[in-house]
Amino acid sequence: MTDTTIIRPEKLEHLVPQERNARTHSRKQLKQIAESIKKFGFTNPVLADGQNGIIAGHGRLEAAKLLGLMRIPVLRLEHMTEAEKRAYVIADNRLAELAGWDNELLALELGAIHELDKEFELALTGFDTAEVEALLNSLDAEPAPEQPAQIDESAPVISRVGDKWILGDHAIICGDATDPAVYSKLLGTEKAQMVFTDPPYNVPVGGHICGLGKVQHEEFVMASEEMSQEEFTAFLTSVTANLARFSSDGSIHYVCMDWRHMQELLTAGAASYTELKNLVFVFKHGTGQVGQSQRAA
């Protein structure tokens, strides 16, 4: 093994790129590398074997050509076998890709550089202007988290059927999902582009929905096991028909259901929709009761 710690300048025309170097460099990236070399110097030497074949640094070589450099620093790796050289060409590029970024620390570091030198071009770090601005904007102090409102559970319920709340770009309505008039009042002339709905499952709350501690759930007003298979199918068909009617063509509808009544939902969906796209199942650890952190499909 020869000494691999000596870095010597080498003429660009003497260096031979690997014919099968799979790593690609866009024109934009080569310009970025060139700007980095111009600003910081050639701090990372090209790696080459004893025959001037480049092992690592193809992008730096092309950037040097853009800058009109005659010689660049080269570190010789003459001890490598042909297999090792080819493997290192890949590893040198691939291993760097496997690293990640701590965006918070990255933003802090970019902010510190900016404070040290207001004129410093942060794009020299390799991040474009939009990325740098987004990271620096993330440094703005976040508002203190809002404290949840204290609700008096003993107070009388004042929400009424037909009430509609406007929340910025969003709207919520208290109404019957089987009634087309409710959708008209909620949406006006607009149509939904996506639906996610979690209708009653026609299973009793007792014994199925968690509530062994402080939280106790009351029975649903409708579809809490009081419906027959035919009645529940008709109920779901009425709901899905409205969902389809008040949604745009091509919209995707996600409809949750307990496994016990999948057949009724599939029957209702077949009557209301043009096709079944997919079935998504949630496999839960534990008892698998309805009402846990995730519900069964």
C-alpha atoms as a PDB file:
ATOM      1  CA  MET A   1       0.000   0.000   0.000  1.00  0.00           C
ATOM      2  CA  THR A   2       1.359   3.414  -0.957  1.00  0.00           C
ATOM      3  CA  ASP A   3       0.992   6.600   1.046  1.00  0.00           C
ATOM      4  CA  THR A   4      -2.505   7.924   0.382  1.00  0.00           C
ATOM      5  CA  THR A   5      -2.173  11.074   2.491  1.00  0.00           C
ATOM      6  CA  ILE A   6      -0.250  13.143  -0.063  1.00  0.00           C
ATOM      7  CA  ILE A   7      -2.354  15.488  -2.169  1.00  0.00           C
ATOM      8  CA  ARG A   8      -0.726  16.730  -5.364  1.00  0.00           C
ATOM      9  CA  PRO A   9      -1.966  19.048  -8.120  1.00  0.00           C
ATOM     10  CA  GLU A  10      -2.768  17.377 -11.426  1.00  0.00           C
ATOM     11  CA  LYS A  11      -3.603  18.755 -14.865  1.00  0.00           C
ATOM     12  CA  LEU A  12      -7.249  18.348 -15.775  1.00  0.00           C
ATOM     13  CA  GLU A  13      -6.502  16.730 -19.125  1.00  0.00           C
ATOM     14  CA  HIS A  14      -4.555  13.943 -17.386  1.00  0.00           C
ATOM     15  CA  LEU A  15      -7.564  12.795 -15.362  1.00  0.00           C
ATOM     16  CA  VAL A  16      -9.764  10.049 -16.817  1.00  0.00           C
ATOM     17  CA  PRO A  17     -13.451   9.842 -15.784  1.00  0.00           C
ATOM     18  CA  GLN A  18     -15.004   6.435 -15.137  1.00  0.00           C
ATOM     19  CA  GLU A  19     -16.870   5.231 -18.224  1.00  0.00           C
ATOM     20  CA  ARG A  20     -19.580   3.641 -16.085  1.00  0.00           C
ATOM     21  CA  ASN A  21     -20.020   6.370 -13.523  1.00  0.00           C
ATOM     22  CA  ALA A  22     -23.749   6.136 -12.840  1.00  0.00           C
ATOM     23  CA  ARG A  23     -23.883   9.403 -10.911  1.00  0.00           C
ATOM     24  CA  THR A  24     -25.352  12.258 -12.935  1.00  0.00           C
ATOM     25  CA  HIS A  25     -24.850  15.998 -12.496  1.00  0.00           C
ATOM     26  CA  SER A  26     -27.201  18.614 -13.887  1.00  0.00           C
ATOM     27  CA  ARG A  27     -25.869  21.812 -15.387  1.00  0.00           C
ATOM     28  CA  LYS A  28     -27.353  23.694 -12.442  1.00  0.00           C
ATOM     29  CA  GLN A  29     -25.545  21.514  -9.914  1.00  0.00           C
ATOM     30  CA  LEU A  30     -22.215  21.834 -11.721  1.00  0.00           C
ATOM     31  CA  LYS A  31     -22.596  25.608 -11.570  1.00  0.00           C
ATOM     32  CA  GLN A  32     -23.328  25.341  -7.837  1.00  0.00           C
ATOM     33  CA  ILE A  33     -20.191  23.253  -7.317  1.00  0.00           C
ATOM     34  CA  ALA A  34     -18.201  25.779  -9.347  1.00  0.00           C
ATOM     35  CA  GLU A  35     -19.517  28.673  -7.251  1.00  0.00           C
ATOM     36  CA  SER A  36     -18.621  26.771  -4.092  1.00  0.00           C
ATOM     37  CA  ILE A  37     -15.071  26.179  -5.329  1.00  0.00           C
ATOM     38  CA  LYS A  38     -14.754  29.841  -6.295  1.00  0.00           C
ATOM     39  CA  LYS A  39     -15.919  30.947  -2.836  1.00  0.00           C
ATOM     40  CA  PHE A  40     -14.300  28.380  -0.542  1.00  0.00           C
ATOM     41  CA  GLY A  41     -11.474  27.010  -2.656  1.00  0.00           C
ATOM     42  CA  PHE A  42     -10.895  23.435  -3.808  1.00  0.00           C
ATOM     43  CA  THR A  43     -11.310  21.979  -0.320  1.00  0.00           C
ATOM     44  CA  ASN A  44     -12.237  18.450  -1.394  1.00  0.00           C
ATOM     45  CA  PRO A  45      -9.613  16.800  -3.609  1.00  0.00           C
ATOM     46  CA  VAL A  46     -10.471  14.471  -6.450  1.00  0.00           C
ATOM     47  CA  LEU A  47      -9.686  10.815  -5.717  1.00  0.00           C
ATOM     48  CA  ALA A  48      -7.821   8.942  -8.451  1.00  0.00           C
ATOM     49  CA  ASP A  49      -5.994   5.655  -8.942  1.00  0.00           C
ATOM     50  CA  GLY A  50      -2.437   5.145 -10.142  1.00  0.00           C
ATOM     51  CA  GLN A  51      -3.474   5.532 -13.785  1.00  0.00           C
ATOM     52  CA  ASN A  52      -5.279   8.849 -13.186  1.00  0.00           C
ATOM     53  CA  GLY A  53      -8.677   7.165 -13.322  1.00  0.00           C
ATOM     54  CA  ILE A  54     -11.140   9.165 -11.244  1.00  0.00           C
ATOM     55  CA  ILE A  55     -12.637   7.263  -8.326  1.00  0.00           C
ATOM     56  CA  ALA A  56     -14.517  10.172  -6.761  1.00  0.00           C
ATOM     57  CA  GLY A  57     -14.923  13.764  -7.862  1.00  0.00           C
ATOM     58  CA  HIS A  58     -16.409  13.668 -11.349  1.00  0.00           C
ATOM     59  CA  GLY A  59     -18.614  16.654 -10.565  1.00  0.00           C
ATOM     60  CA  ARG A  60     -15.692  18.620  -9.147  1.00  0.00           C
ATOM     61  CA  LEU A  61     -13.687  17.933 -12.309  1.00  0.00           C
ATOM     62  CA  GLU A  62     -16.466  19.281 -14.537  1.00  0.00           C
ATOM     63  CA  ALA A  63     -16.902  22.306 -12.252  1.00  0.00           C
ATOM     64  CA  ALA A  64     -13.158  22.977 -12.507  1.00  0.00           C
ATOM     65  CA  LYS A  65     -13.493  22.984 -16.293  1.00  0.00           C
ATOM     66  CA  LEU A  66     -16.282  25.560 -16.033  1.00  0.00           C
ATOM     67  CA  LEU A  67     -13.981  27.740 -13.940  1.00  0.00           C
ATOM     68  CA  GLY A  68     -11.132  27.374 -16.412  1.00  0.00           C
ATOM     69  CA  LEU A  69      -8.780  25.800 -13.876  1.00  0.00           C
ATOM     70  CA  MET A  70      -5.644  24.159 -15.202  1.00  0.00           C
ATOM     71  CA  ARG A  71      -4.793  21.955 -12.218  1.00  0.00           C
ATOM     72  CA  ILE A  72      -6.767  20.586  -9.300  1.00  0.00           C
ATOM     73  CA  PRO A  73      -5.729  18.752  -6.111  1.00  0.00           C
ATOM     74  CA  VAL A  74      -5.736  14.958  -6.406  1.00  0.00           C
ATOM     75  CA  LEU A  75      -5.431  12.301  -3.719  1.00  0.00           C
ATOM     76  CA  ARG A  76      -4.052   8.995  -5.013  1.00  0.00           C
ATOM     77  CA  LEU A  77      -5.657   5.722  -3.952  1.00  0.00           C
ATOM     78  CA  GLU A  78      -3.281   3.259  -5.591  1.00  0.00           C
ATOM     79  CA  HIS A  79      -3.894   0.423  -3.164  1.00  0.00           C
ATOM     80  CA  MET A  80      -7.428  -0.384  -4.350  1.00  0.00           C
ATOM     81  CA  THR A  81      -8.297  -3.384  -6.462  1.00  0.00           C
ATOM     82  CA  GLU A  82     -10.449  -2.902  -9.557  1.00  0.00           C
ATOM     83  CA  ALA A  83     -13.501  -4.222  -7.701  1.00  0.00           C
ATOM     84  CA  GLU A  84     -12.858  -1.913  -4.746  1.00  0.00           C
ATOM     85  CA  LYS A  85     -12.495   1.117  -7.002  1.00  0.00           C
ATOM     86  CA  ARG A  86     -15.755   0.425  -8.799  1.00  0.00           C
ATOM     87  CA  ALA A  87     -17.551  -0.192  -5.523  1.00  0.00           C
ATOM     88  CA  TYR A  88     -16.199   3.017  -4.012  1.00  0.00           C
ATOM     89  CA  VAL A  89     -17.369   5.052  -7.011  1.00  0.00           C
ATOM     90  CA  ILE A  90     -20.899   3.969  -6.071  1.00  0.00           C
ATOM     91  CA  ALA A  91     -20.452   4.114  -2.297  1.00  0.00           C
ATOM     92  CA  ASP A  92     -19.003   7.634  -2.322  1.00  0.00           C
ATOM     93  CA  ASN A  93     -22.235   8.905  -3.852  1.00  0.00           C
ATOM     94  CA  ARG A  94     -24.783   6.568  -2.312  1.00  0.00           C
ATOM     95  CA  LEU A  95     -23.684   6.840   1.325  1.00  0.00           C
ATOM     96  CA  ALA A  96     -24.097  10.618   1.274  1.00  0.00           C
ATOM     97  CA  GLU A  97     -27.681  10.190   0.064  1.00  0.00           C
ATOM     98  CA  LEU A  98     -28.563   8.108   3.121  1.00  0.00           C
ATOM     99  CA  ALA A  99     -27.976  11.024   5.491  1.00  0.00           C
ATOM    100  CA  GLY A 100     -30.798  13.332   6.510  1.00  0.00           C
ATOM    101  CA  TRP A 101     -31.259  16.845   7.828  1.00  0.00           C
ATOM    102  CA  ASP A 102     -32.383  18.144  11.183  1.00  0.00           C
ATOM    103  CA  ASN A 103     -34.395  21.017   9.729  1.00  0.00           C
ATOM    104  CA  GLU A 104     -34.538  22.899  13.017  1.00  0.00           C
ATOM    105  CA  LEU A 105     -30.760  22.866  13.465  1.00  0.00           C
ATOM    106  CA  LEU A 106     -30.255  23.572   9.768  1.00  0.00           C
ATOM    107  CA  ALA A 107     -32.498  26.625   9.984  1.00  0.00           C
ATOM    108  CA  LEU A 108     -30.643  27.835  13.083  1.00  0.00           C
ATOM    109  CA  GLU A 109     -27.284  27.438  11.336  1.00  0.00           C
ATOM    110  CA  LEU A 110     -28.442  29.289   8.232  1.00  0.00           C
ATOM    111  CA  GLY A 111     -29.808  32.020  10.472  1.00  0.00           C
ATOM    112  CA  ALA A 112     -26.492  32.246  12.324  1.00  0.00           C
ATOM    113  CA  ILE A 113     -24.580  32.584   9.048  1.00  0.00           C
ATOM    114  CA  HIS A 114     -26.933  35.354   7.971  1.00  0.00           C
ATOM    115  CA  GLU A 115     -26.421  37.180  11.262  1.00  0.00           C
ATOM    116  CA  LEU A 116     -22.638  36.942  10.888  1.00  0.00           C
ATOM    117  CA  ASP A 117     -22.660  38.228   7.321  1.00  0.00           C
ATOM    118  CA  LYS A 118     -25.822  39.841   5.963  1.00  0.00           C
ATOM    119  CA  GLU A 119     -24.365  39.832   2.445  1.00  0.00           C
ATOM    120  CA  PHE A 120     -23.371  36.175   2.428  1.00  0.00           C
ATOM    121  CA  GLU A 121     -25.023  34.262  -0.418  1.00  0.00           C
ATOM    122  CA  LEU A 122     -26.705  31.376   1.386  1.00  0.00           C
ATOM    123  CA  ALA A 123     -27.382  29.613  -1.923  1.00  0.00           C
ATOM    124  CA  LEU A 124     -23.697  28.632  -1.797  1.00  0.00           C
ATOM    125  CA  THR A 125     -24.730  26.005   0.748  1.00  0.00           C
ATOM    126  CA  GLY A 126     -26.503  24.122  -2.033  1.00  0.00           C
ATOM    127  CA  PHE A 127     -30.017  25.115  -0.961  1.00  0.00           C
ATOM    128  CA  ASP A 128     -31.820  27.351  -3.422  1.00  0.00           C
ATOM    129  CA  THR A 129     -33.286  30.696  -2.413  1.00  0.00           C
ATOM    130  CA  ALA A 130     -36.812  29.385  -1.876  1.00  0.00           C
ATOM    131  CA  GLU A 131     -35.567  26.584   0.382  1.00  0.00           C
ATOM    132  CA  VAL A 132     -33.415  28.993   2.398  1.00  0.00           C
ATOM    133  CA  GLU A 133     -36.309  31.415   2.862  1.00  0.00           C
ATOM    134  CA  ALA A 134     -38.626  28.631   3.974  1.00  0.00           C
ATOM    135  CA  LEU A 135     -36.086  27.442   6.533  1.00  0.00           C
ATOM    136  CA  LEU A 136     -35.406  30.948   7.837  1.00  0.00           C
ATOM    137  CA  ASN A 137     -39.124  31.669   8.082  1.00  0.00           C
ATOM    138  CA  SER A 138     -39.493  28.582  10.252  1.00  0.00           C
ATOM    139  CA  LEU A 139     -37.334  30.327  12.862  1.00  0.00           C
ATOM    140  CA  ASP A 140     -40.118  32.799  13.585  1.00  0.00           C
ATOM    141  CA  ALA A 141     -41.456  32.298  17.066  1.00  0.00           C
ATOM    142  CA  GLU A 142     -44.395  29.965  17.034  1.00  0.00           C
ATOM    143  CA  PRO A 143     -47.516  31.169  18.839  1.00  0.00           C
ATOM    144  CA  ALA A 144     -48.164  29.625  22.193  1.00  0.00           C
ATOM    145  CA  PRO A 145     -50.432  26.610  21.855  1.00  0.00           C
ATOM    146  CA  GLU A 146     -54.045  27.452  22.475  1.00  0.00           C
ATOM    147  CA  GLN A 147     -55.497  26.090  25.654  1.00  0.00           C
ATOM    148  CA  PRO A 148     -58.551  23.948  25.008  1.00  0.00           C
ATOM    149  CA  ALA A 149     -61.785  25.558  26.059  1.00  0.00           C
ATOM    150  CA  GLN A 150     -63.235  24.305  29.302  1.00  0.00           C
ATOM    151  CA  ILE A 151     -66.636  22.830  28.558  1.00  0.00           C
ATOM    152  CA  ASP A 152     -69.301  22.560  31.205  1.00  0.00           C
ATOM    153  CA  GLU A 153     -70.688  19.090  30.516  1.00  0.00           C
ATOM    154  CA  SER A 154     -73.678  19.806  32.746  1.00  0.00           C
ATOM    155  CA  ALA A 155     -74.780  22.801  30.657  1.00  0.00           C
ATOM    156  CA  PRO A 156     -77.782  22.337  28.343  1.00  0.00           C
ATOM    157  CA  VAL A 157     -77.103  21.437  24.728  1.00  0.00           C
ATOM    158  CA  ILE A 158     -77.810  24.459  22.525  1.00  0.00           C
ATOM    159  CA  SER A 159     -76.867  23.138  19.064  1.00  0.00           C
ATOM    160  CA  ARG A 160     -79.931  22.593  16.916  1.00  0.00           C
ATOM    161  CA  VAL A 161     -80.607  20.811  13.653  1.00  0.00           C
ATOM    162  CA  GLY A 162     -79.892  23.264  10.856  1.00  0.00           C
ATOM    163  CA  ASP A 163     -77.139  25.175  12.676  1.00  0.00           C
ATOM    164  CA  LYS A 164     -74.193  25.942  10.400  1.00  0.00           C
ATOM    165  CA  TRP A 165     -70.790  27.164  11.548  1.00  0.00           C
ATOM    166  CA  ILE A 166     -68.298  28.933   9.264  1.00  0.00           C
ATOM    167  CA  LEU A 167     -64.693  28.257  10.319  1.00  0.00           C
ATOM    168  CA  GLY A 168     -62.488  30.167   7.898  1.00  0.00           C
ATOM    169  CA  ASP A 169     -62.563  28.160   4.668  1.00  0.00           C
ATOM    170  CA  HIS A 170     -64.425  25.331   6.382  1.00  0.00           C
ATOM    171  CA  ALA A 171     -68.055  24.784   7.318  1.00  0.00           C
ATOM    172  CA  ILE A 172     -69.806  22.396   9.711  1.00  0.00           C
ATOM    173  CA  ILE A 173     -73.518  21.728   9.805  1.00  0.00           C
ATOM    174  CA  CYS A 174     -75.742  19.952  12.288  1.00  0.00           C
ATOM    175  CA  GLY A 175     -78.116  17.869  10.240  1.00  0.00           C
ATOM    176  CA  ASP A 176     -79.390  14.555   8.929  1.00  0.00           C
ATOM    177  CA  ALA A 177     -77.037  12.922   6.419  1.00  0.00           C
ATOM    178  CA  THR A 178     -80.019  11.264   4.724  1.00  0.00           C
ATOM    179  CA  ASP A 179     -81.608  14.653   3.927  1.00  0.00           C
ATOM    180  CA  PRO A 180     -80.484  16.265   0.632  1.00  0.00           C
ATOM    181  CA  ALA A 181     -81.521  19.707   1.908  1.00  0.00           C
ATOM    182  CA  VAL A 182     -78.768  19.542   4.536  1.00  0.00           C
ATOM    183  CA  TYR A 183     -76.111  19.112   1.854  1.00  0.00           C
ATOM    184  CA  SER A 184     -77.554  21.984  -0.172  1.00  0.00           C
ATOM    185  CA  LYS A 185     -77.410  24.279   2.846  1.00  0.00           C
ATOM    186  CA  LEU A 186     -73.863  23.187   3.668  1.00  0.00           C
ATOM    187  CA  LEU A 187     -72.336  23.309   0.190  1.00  0.00           C
ATOM    188  CA  GLY A 188     -74.461  25.764  -1.751  1.00  0.00           C
ATOM    189  CA  THR A 189     -73.382  25.472  -5.390  1.00  0.00           C
ATOM    190  CA  GLU A 190     -70.082  23.780  -4.554  1.00  0.00           C
ATOM    191  CA  LYS A 191     -69.417  20.056  -4.712  1.00  0.00           C
ATOM    192  CA  ALA A 192     -67.104  17.922  -2.598  1.00  0.00           C
ATOM    193  CA  GLN A 193     -63.907  16.617  -4.184  1.00  0.00           C
ATOM    194  CA  MET A 194     -63.270  14.045  -1.466  1.00  0.00           C
ATOM    195  CA  VAL A 195     -65.370  12.467   1.280  1.00  0.00           C
ATOM    196  CA  PHE A 196     -64.257  10.844   4.516  1.00  0.00           C
ATOM    197  CA  THR A 197     -67.215   9.678   6.576  1.00  0.00           C
ATOM    198  CA  ASP A 198     -67.613   7.496   9.635  1.00  0.00           C
ATOM    199  CA  PRO A 199     -71.326   6.620   9.817  1.00  0.00           C
ATOM    200  CA  PRO A 200     -72.926   4.713  12.716  1.00  0.00           C
ATOM    201  CA  TYR A 201     -72.053   1.015  12.597  1.00  0.00           C
ATOM    202  CA  ASN A 202     -75.401  -0.358  13.787  1.00  0.00           C
ATOM    203  CA  VAL A 203     -73.715  -1.913  16.814  1.00  0.00           C
ATOM    204  CA  PRO A 204     -74.524  -1.014  20.437  1.00  0.00           C
ATOM    205  CA  VAL A 205     -72.195   1.342  22.269  1.00  0.00           C
ATOM    206  CA  GLY A 206     -72.235  -0.864  25.346  1.00  0.00           C
ATOM    207  CA  GLY A 207     -69.617  -3.584  25.016  1.00  0.00           C
ATOM    208  CA  HIS A 208     -68.224  -2.214  21.747  1.00  0.00           C
ATOM    209  CA  ILE A 209     -67.004   1.332  22.341  1.00  0.00           C
ATOM    210  CA  CYS A 210     -64.294   1.916  24.916  1.00  0.00           C
ATOM    211  CA  GLY A 211     -65.399   3.858  27.948  1.00  0.00           C
ATOM    212  CA  LEU A 212     -64.185   1.986  30.973  1.00  0.00           C
ATOM    213  CA  GLY A 213     -62.667   5.080  32.558  1.00  0.00           C
ATOM    214  CA  LYS A 214     -63.869   8.659  32.871  1.00  0.00           C
ATOM    215  CA  VAL A 215     -65.232   8.831  29.332  1.00  0.00           C
ATOM    216  CA  GLN A 216     -68.627   7.196  28.968  1.00  0.00           C
ATOM    217  CA  HIS A 217     -70.442   7.225  25.624  1.00  0.00           C
ATOM    218  CA  GLU A 218     -74.181   7.377  25.153  1.00  0.00           C
ATOM    219  CA  GLU A 219     -75.942   5.264  22.551  1.00  0.00           C
ATOM    220  CA  PHE A 220     -76.184   6.754  19.082  1.00  0.00           C
ATOM    221  CA  VAL A 221     -79.576   8.195  18.190  1.00  0.00           C
ATOM    222  CA  MET A 222     -79.714   6.052  15.052  1.00  0.00           C
ATOM    223  CA  ALA A 223     -78.100   2.833  13.855  1.00  0.00           C
ATOM    224  CA  SER A 224     -77.157   1.524  17.274  1.00  0.00           C
ATOM    225  CA  GLU A 225     -78.182  -2.091  16.568  1.00  0.00           C
ATOM    226  CA  GLU A 226     -81.885  -1.283  16.373  1.00  0.00           C
ATOM    227  CA  MET A 227     -81.948  -1.608  12.577  1.00  0.00           C
ATOM    228  CA  SER A 228     -82.421  -4.836  10.666  1.00  0.00           C
ATOM    229  CA  GLN A 229     -80.047  -5.719   7.848  1.00  0.00           C
ATOM    230  CA  GLU A 230     -82.509  -4.371   5.290  1.00  0.00           C
ATOM    231  CA  GLU A 231     -83.118  -1.163   7.253  1.00  0.00           C
ATOM    232  CA  PHE A 232     -79.418  -0.503   7.754  1.00  0.00           C
ATOM    233  CA  THR A 233     -78.720  -1.124   4.062  1.00  0.00           C
ATOM    234  CA  ALA A 234     -81.448   1.368   3.147  1.00  0.00           C
ATOM    235  CA  PHE A 235     -80.023   3.873   5.649  1.00  0.00           C
ATOM    236  CA  LEU A 236     -76.508   3.609   4.192  1.00  0.00           C
ATOM    237  CA  THR A 237     -77.843   3.720   0.635  1.00  0.00           C
ATOM    238  CA  SER A 238     -79.634   6.978   1.389  1.00  0.00           C
ATOM    239  CA  VAL A 239     -76.453   8.491   2.830  1.00  0.00           C
ATOM    240  CA  THR A 240     -74.095   7.326   0.066  1.00  0.00           C
ATOM    241  CA  ALA A 241     -76.563   8.456  -2.611  1.00  0.00           C
ATOM    242  CA  ASN A 242     -76.439  11.967  -1.169  1.00  0.00           C
ATOM    243  CA  LEU A 243     -72.655  11.843  -0.935  1.00  0.00           C
ATOM    244  CA  ALA A 244     -72.425  10.881  -4.602  1.00  0.00           C
ATOM    245  CA  ARG A 245     -74.996  13.494  -5.645  1.00  0.00           C
ATOM    246  CA  PHE A 246     -73.198  16.349  -3.915  1.00  0.00           C
ATOM    247  CA  SER A 247     -69.665  15.355  -4.983  1.00  0.00           C
ATOM    248  CA  SER A 248     -67.814  16.130  -8.194  1.00  0.00           C
ATOM    249  CA  ASP A 249     -67.150  13.487 -10.828  1.00  0.00           C
ATOM    250  CA  GLY A 250     -64.041  11.478 -10.010  1.00  0.00           C
ATOM    251  CA  SER A 251     -64.150  12.242  -6.297  1.00  0.00           C
ATOM    252  CA  ILE A 252     -62.916   9.558  -3.906  1.00  0.00           C
ATOM    253  CA  HIS A 253     -65.069   8.543  -0.928  1.00  0.00           C
ATOM    254  CA  TYR A 254     -63.639   6.881   2.170  1.00  0.00           C
ATOM    255  CA  VAL A 255     -66.428   5.260   4.201  1.00  0.00           C
ATOM    256  CA  CYS A 256     -65.630   3.553   7.513  1.00  0.00           C
ATOM    257  CA  MET A 257     -67.545   0.536   8.786  1.00  0.00           C
ATOM    258  CA  ASP A 258     -67.344  -2.159  11.426  1.00  0.00           C
ATOM    259  CA  TRP A 259     -66.596  -5.587   9.947  1.00  0.00           C
ATOM    260  CA  ARG A 260     -69.972  -6.916  11.093  1.00  0.00           C
ATOM    261  CA  HIS A 261     -71.820  -4.740   8.598  1.00  0.00           C
ATOM    262  CA  MET A 262     -69.450  -4.612   5.645  1.00  0.00           C
ATOM    263  CA  GLN A 263     -72.030  -6.392   3.493  1.00  0.00           C
ATOM    264  CA  GLU A 264     -74.624  -3.670   4.020  1.00  0.00           C
ATOM    265  CA  LEU A 265     -72.084  -0.970   3.160  1.00  0.00           C
ATOM    266  CA  LEU A 266     -70.921  -2.790   0.025  1.00  0.00           C
ATOM    267  CA  THR A 267     -74.522  -3.207  -1.101  1.00  0.00           C
ATOM    268  CA  ALA A 268     -75.258   0.475  -0.472  1.00  0.00           C
ATOM    269  CA  GLY A 269     -72.080   1.519  -2.247  1.00  0.00           C
ATOM    270  CA  ALA A 270     -72.893  -0.599  -5.284  1.00  0.00           C
ATOM    271  CA  ALA A 271     -76.215   1.223  -5.597  1.00  0.00           C
ATOM    272  CA  SER A 272     -74.710   4.715  -5.233  1.00  0.00           C
ATOM    273  CA  TYR A 273     -71.253   4.590  -6.812  1.00  0.00           C
ATOM    274  CA  THR A 274     -69.912   3.587 -10.208  1.00  0.00           C
ATOM    275  CA  GLU A 275     -67.216   1.303  -8.804  1.00  0.00           C
ATOM    276  CA  LEU A 276     -65.497   0.005  -5.682  1.00  0.00           C
ATOM    277  CA  LYS A 277     -61.940   1.311  -5.660  1.00  0.00           C
ATOM    278  CA  ASN A 278     -60.447  -0.638  -2.771  1.00  0.00           C
ATOM    279  CA  LEU A 279     -60.881  -2.030   0.723  1.00  0.00           C
ATOM    280  CA  VAL A 280     -58.628  -0.780   3.511  1.00  0.00           C
ATOM    281  CA  PHE A 281     -58.359  -2.873   6.674  1.00  0.00           C
ATOM    282  CA  VAL A 282     -56.973  -1.664   9.984  1.00  0.00           C
ATOM    283  CA  PHE A 283     -55.355  -4.417  12.031  1.00  0.00           C
ATOM    284  CA  LYS A 284     -55.366  -3.333  15.657  1.00  0.00           C
ATOM    285  CA  HIS A 285     -53.486  -4.636  18.653  1.00  0.00           C
ATOM    286  CA  GLY A 286     -55.529  -5.354  21.740  1.00  0.00           C
ATOM    287  CA  THR A 287     -59.238  -5.987  21.912  1.00  0.00           C
ATOM    288  CA  GLY A 288     -60.020  -4.422  18.551  1.00  0.00           C
ATOM    289  CA  GLN A 289     -63.155  -2.756  19.861  1.00  0.00           C
ATOM    290  CA  VAL A 290     -64.941  -0.077  17.898  1.00  0.00           C
ATOM    291  CA  GLY A 291     -64.050   3.375  19.172  1.00  0.00           C
ATOM    292  CA  GLN A 292     -60.376   2.836  19.916  1.00  0.00           C
ATOM    293  CA  SER A 293     -57.647   5.032  18.413  1.00  0.00           C
ATOM    294  CA  GLN A 294     -58.256   3.407  15.031  1.00  0.00           C
ATOM    295  CA  ARG A 295     -61.417   1.743  13.874  1.00  0.00           C
ATOM    296  CA  ALA A 296     -61.787  -1.492  11.987  1.00  0.00           C
ATOM    297  CA  ALA A 297     -62.548  -1.169   8.297  1.00  0.00           C
END
